[in-house]
Amino acid sequence: MGIEEKIKYLPPDLQKEVDRFIDSLIRRKKKEPSFSWAGALREYRDRFTSVELQKKALEWR
């Protein structure tokens, strides 16, 4: 039995819920990471090593 056939067995209120859930899955799938933050700390490149930054990040947690 396919998904469409299964949905037909549900009452109308649950069919609407399934429809909203599917829409949310489609929206989630379309989102791609923007990486807008990439290069934001470029000015600190020569001041800190990646290991130093990792240690600092652990301290901040």
N, C-alpha and C. Protein backbone atom coordinates (compact mmCIF):
# COMPACT_ATOMS: atom_id res chain seq x y z
N MET A 1 0.85 -1.17 0.00
CA MET A 1 0.00 0.00 0.00
C MET A 1 0.90 1.24 0.00
N GLY A 2 0.65 2.15 -0.93
CA GLY A 2 1.43 3.37 -1.05
C GLY A 2 0.98 4.42 -0.05
N ILE A 3 1.76 5.46 0.06
CA ILE A 3 1.48 6.51 1.04
C ILE A 3 0.15 7.21 0.75
N GLU A 4 -0.15 7.44 -0.52
CA GLU A 4 -1.41 8.11 -0.87
C GLU A 4 -2.61 7.28 -0.43
N GLU A 5 -2.52 5.98 -0.61
CA GLU A 5 -3.61 5.10 -0.19
C GLU A 5 -3.78 5.11 1.33
N LYS A 6 -2.66 5.15 2.03
CA LYS A 6 -2.71 5.17 3.49
C LYS A 6 -3.36 6.46 3.99
N ILE A 7 -3.02 7.57 3.34
CA ILE A 7 -3.57 8.86 3.76
C ILE A 7 -5.08 8.89 3.58
N LYS A 8 -5.59 8.22 2.55
CA LYS A 8 -7.02 8.20 2.28
C LYS A 8 -7.80 7.55 3.42
N TYR A 9 -7.16 6.68 4.17
CA TYR A 9 -7.82 6.00 5.29
C TYR A 9 -7.94 6.89 6.53
N LEU A 10 -7.21 7.99 6.54
CA LEU A 10 -7.24 8.89 7.70
C LEU A 10 -8.44 9.82 7.63
N PRO A 11 -8.92 10.24 8.80
CA PRO A 11 -10.00 11.24 8.80
C PRO A 11 -9.46 12.58 8.27
N PRO A 12 -10.35 13.46 7.80
CA PRO A 12 -9.91 14.72 7.18
C PRO A 12 -8.97 15.57 8.04
N ASP A 13 -9.21 15.63 9.35
CA ASP A 13 -8.33 16.44 10.19
C ASP A 13 -6.90 15.90 10.21
N LEU A 14 -6.77 14.57 10.20
CA LEU A 14 -5.42 13.99 10.18
C LEU A 14 -4.80 14.09 8.79
N GLN A 15 -5.61 14.07 7.76
CA GLN A 15 -5.08 14.27 6.41
C GLN A 15 -4.46 15.67 6.29
N LYS A 16 -5.13 16.66 6.88
CA LYS A 16 -4.58 18.02 6.88
C LYS A 16 -3.27 18.08 7.66
N GLU A 17 -3.19 17.35 8.76
CA GLU A 17 -1.96 17.33 9.56
C GLU A 17 -0.81 16.69 8.77
N VAL A 18 -1.12 15.62 8.07
CA VAL A 18 -0.11 14.97 7.23
C VAL A 18 0.36 15.93 6.15
N ASP A 19 -0.58 16.65 5.55
CA ASP A 19 -0.25 17.61 4.50
C ASP A 19 0.69 18.70 5.03
N ARG A 20 0.39 19.23 6.21
CA ARG A 20 1.26 20.25 6.81
C ARG A 20 2.65 19.68 7.13
N PHE A 21 2.67 18.44 7.61
CA PHE A 21 3.95 17.81 7.92
C PHE A 21 4.80 17.64 6.66
N ILE A 22 4.18 17.20 5.59
CA ILE A 22 4.91 17.04 4.32
C ILE A 22 5.44 18.38 3.84
N ASP A 23 4.62 19.44 3.96
CA ASP A 23 5.09 20.77 3.57
C ASP A 23 6.30 21.19 4.39
N SER A 24 6.29 20.88 5.69
CA SER A 24 7.43 21.25 6.53
C SER A 24 8.69 20.47 6.13
N LEU A 25 8.53 19.22 5.73
CA LEU A 25 9.67 18.44 5.27
C LEU A 25 10.24 19.01 3.98
N ILE A 26 9.37 19.44 3.10
CA ILE A 26 9.81 20.03 1.83
C ILE A 26 10.57 21.32 2.09
N ARG A 27 10.06 22.17 2.99
CA ARG A 27 10.75 23.42 3.31
C ARG A 27 12.11 23.14 3.93
N ARG A 28 12.19 22.14 4.80
CA ARG A 28 13.45 21.81 5.46
C ARG A 28 14.47 21.32 4.45
N LYS A 29 14.03 20.55 3.48
CA LYS A 29 14.92 20.01 2.47
C LYS A 29 15.51 21.12 1.60
N LYS A 30 14.75 22.17 1.35
CA LYS A 30 15.20 23.24 0.47
C LYS A 30 16.26 24.13 1.11
N LYS A 31 16.33 24.13 2.44
CA LYS A 31 17.28 25.01 3.12
C LYS A 31 18.70 24.49 2.91
N GLU A 32 19.54 25.36 2.43
CA GLU A 32 20.95 25.03 2.26
C GLU A 32 21.76 25.97 3.14
N PRO A 33 22.86 25.48 3.69
CA PRO A 33 23.67 26.36 4.53
C PRO A 33 24.19 27.55 3.73
N SER A 34 24.19 28.70 4.34
CA SER A 34 24.60 29.91 3.62
C SER A 34 26.09 30.20 3.76
N PHE A 35 26.68 29.79 4.84
CA PHE A 35 28.08 30.06 5.13
C PHE A 35 28.38 31.56 5.07
N SER A 36 27.40 32.37 5.43
CA SER A 36 27.59 33.82 5.40
C SER A 36 28.64 34.27 6.41
N TRP A 37 28.93 33.43 7.38
CA TRP A 37 29.92 33.76 8.40
C TRP A 37 31.34 33.51 7.92
N ALA A 38 31.51 32.80 6.82
CA ALA A 38 32.85 32.43 6.34
C ALA A 38 33.70 33.68 6.12
N GLY A 39 34.87 33.67 6.67
CA GLY A 39 35.80 34.78 6.52
C GLY A 39 35.57 35.93 7.48
N ALA A 40 34.60 35.80 8.37
CA ALA A 40 34.26 36.91 9.27
C ALA A 40 35.40 37.23 10.23
N LEU A 41 36.24 36.26 10.54
CA LEU A 41 37.33 36.50 11.49
C LEU A 41 38.69 36.58 10.79
N ARG A 42 38.66 36.93 9.54
CA ARG A 42 39.88 36.98 8.73
C ARG A 42 40.96 37.86 9.36
N GLU A 43 40.54 38.94 10.01
CA GLU A 43 41.51 39.86 10.60
C GLU A 43 42.32 39.24 11.73
N TYR A 44 41.83 38.13 12.30
CA TYR A 44 42.53 37.47 13.41
C TYR A 44 43.42 36.31 12.95
N ARG A 45 43.47 36.10 11.66
CA ARG A 45 44.21 34.97 11.10
C ARG A 45 45.66 34.93 11.56
N ASP A 46 46.29 36.07 11.61
CA ASP A 46 47.72 36.11 11.95
C ASP A 46 47.96 36.20 13.47
N ARG A 47 46.90 36.43 14.24
CA ARG A 47 47.06 36.57 15.69
C ARG A 47 46.86 35.27 16.44
N PHE A 48 46.05 34.36 15.92
CA PHE A 48 45.72 33.13 16.63
C PHE A 48 45.84 31.93 15.70
N THR A 49 46.25 30.79 16.28
CA THR A 49 46.25 29.55 15.52
C THR A 49 44.89 28.89 15.71
N SER A 50 44.59 27.92 14.87
CA SER A 50 43.31 27.22 14.99
C SER A 50 43.22 26.46 16.32
N VAL A 51 44.35 25.96 16.80
CA VAL A 51 44.37 25.24 18.07
C VAL A 51 44.05 26.20 19.22
N GLU A 52 44.60 27.39 19.18
CA GLU A 52 44.31 28.39 20.22
C GLU A 52 42.82 28.75 20.22
N LEU A 53 42.26 28.88 19.04
CA LEU A 53 40.83 29.21 18.95
C LEU A 53 39.96 28.06 19.45
N GLN A 54 40.38 26.82 19.17
CA GLN A 54 39.63 25.67 19.68
C GLN A 54 39.63 25.64 21.21
N LYS A 55 40.79 25.89 21.79
CA LYS A 55 40.89 25.92 23.25
C LYS A 55 40.02 27.03 23.83
N LYS A 56 40.03 28.19 23.21
CA LYS A 56 39.23 29.31 23.68
C LYS A 56 37.73 28.97 23.58
N ALA A 57 37.33 28.33 22.50
CA ALA A 57 35.92 27.94 22.33
C ALA A 57 35.50 26.97 23.43
N LEU A 58 36.38 26.06 23.81
CA LEU A 58 36.05 25.12 24.90
C LEU A 58 35.91 25.86 26.23
N GLU A 59 36.72 26.87 26.45
CA GLU A 59 36.61 27.67 27.68
C GLU A 59 35.27 28.40 27.74
N TRP A 60 34.83 28.90 26.61
CA TRP A 60 33.59 29.68 26.55
C TRP A 60 32.35 28.81 26.77
N ARG A 61 32.46 27.52 26.53
CA ARG A 61 31.32 26.63 26.70
C ARG A 61 31.12 26.39 28.15
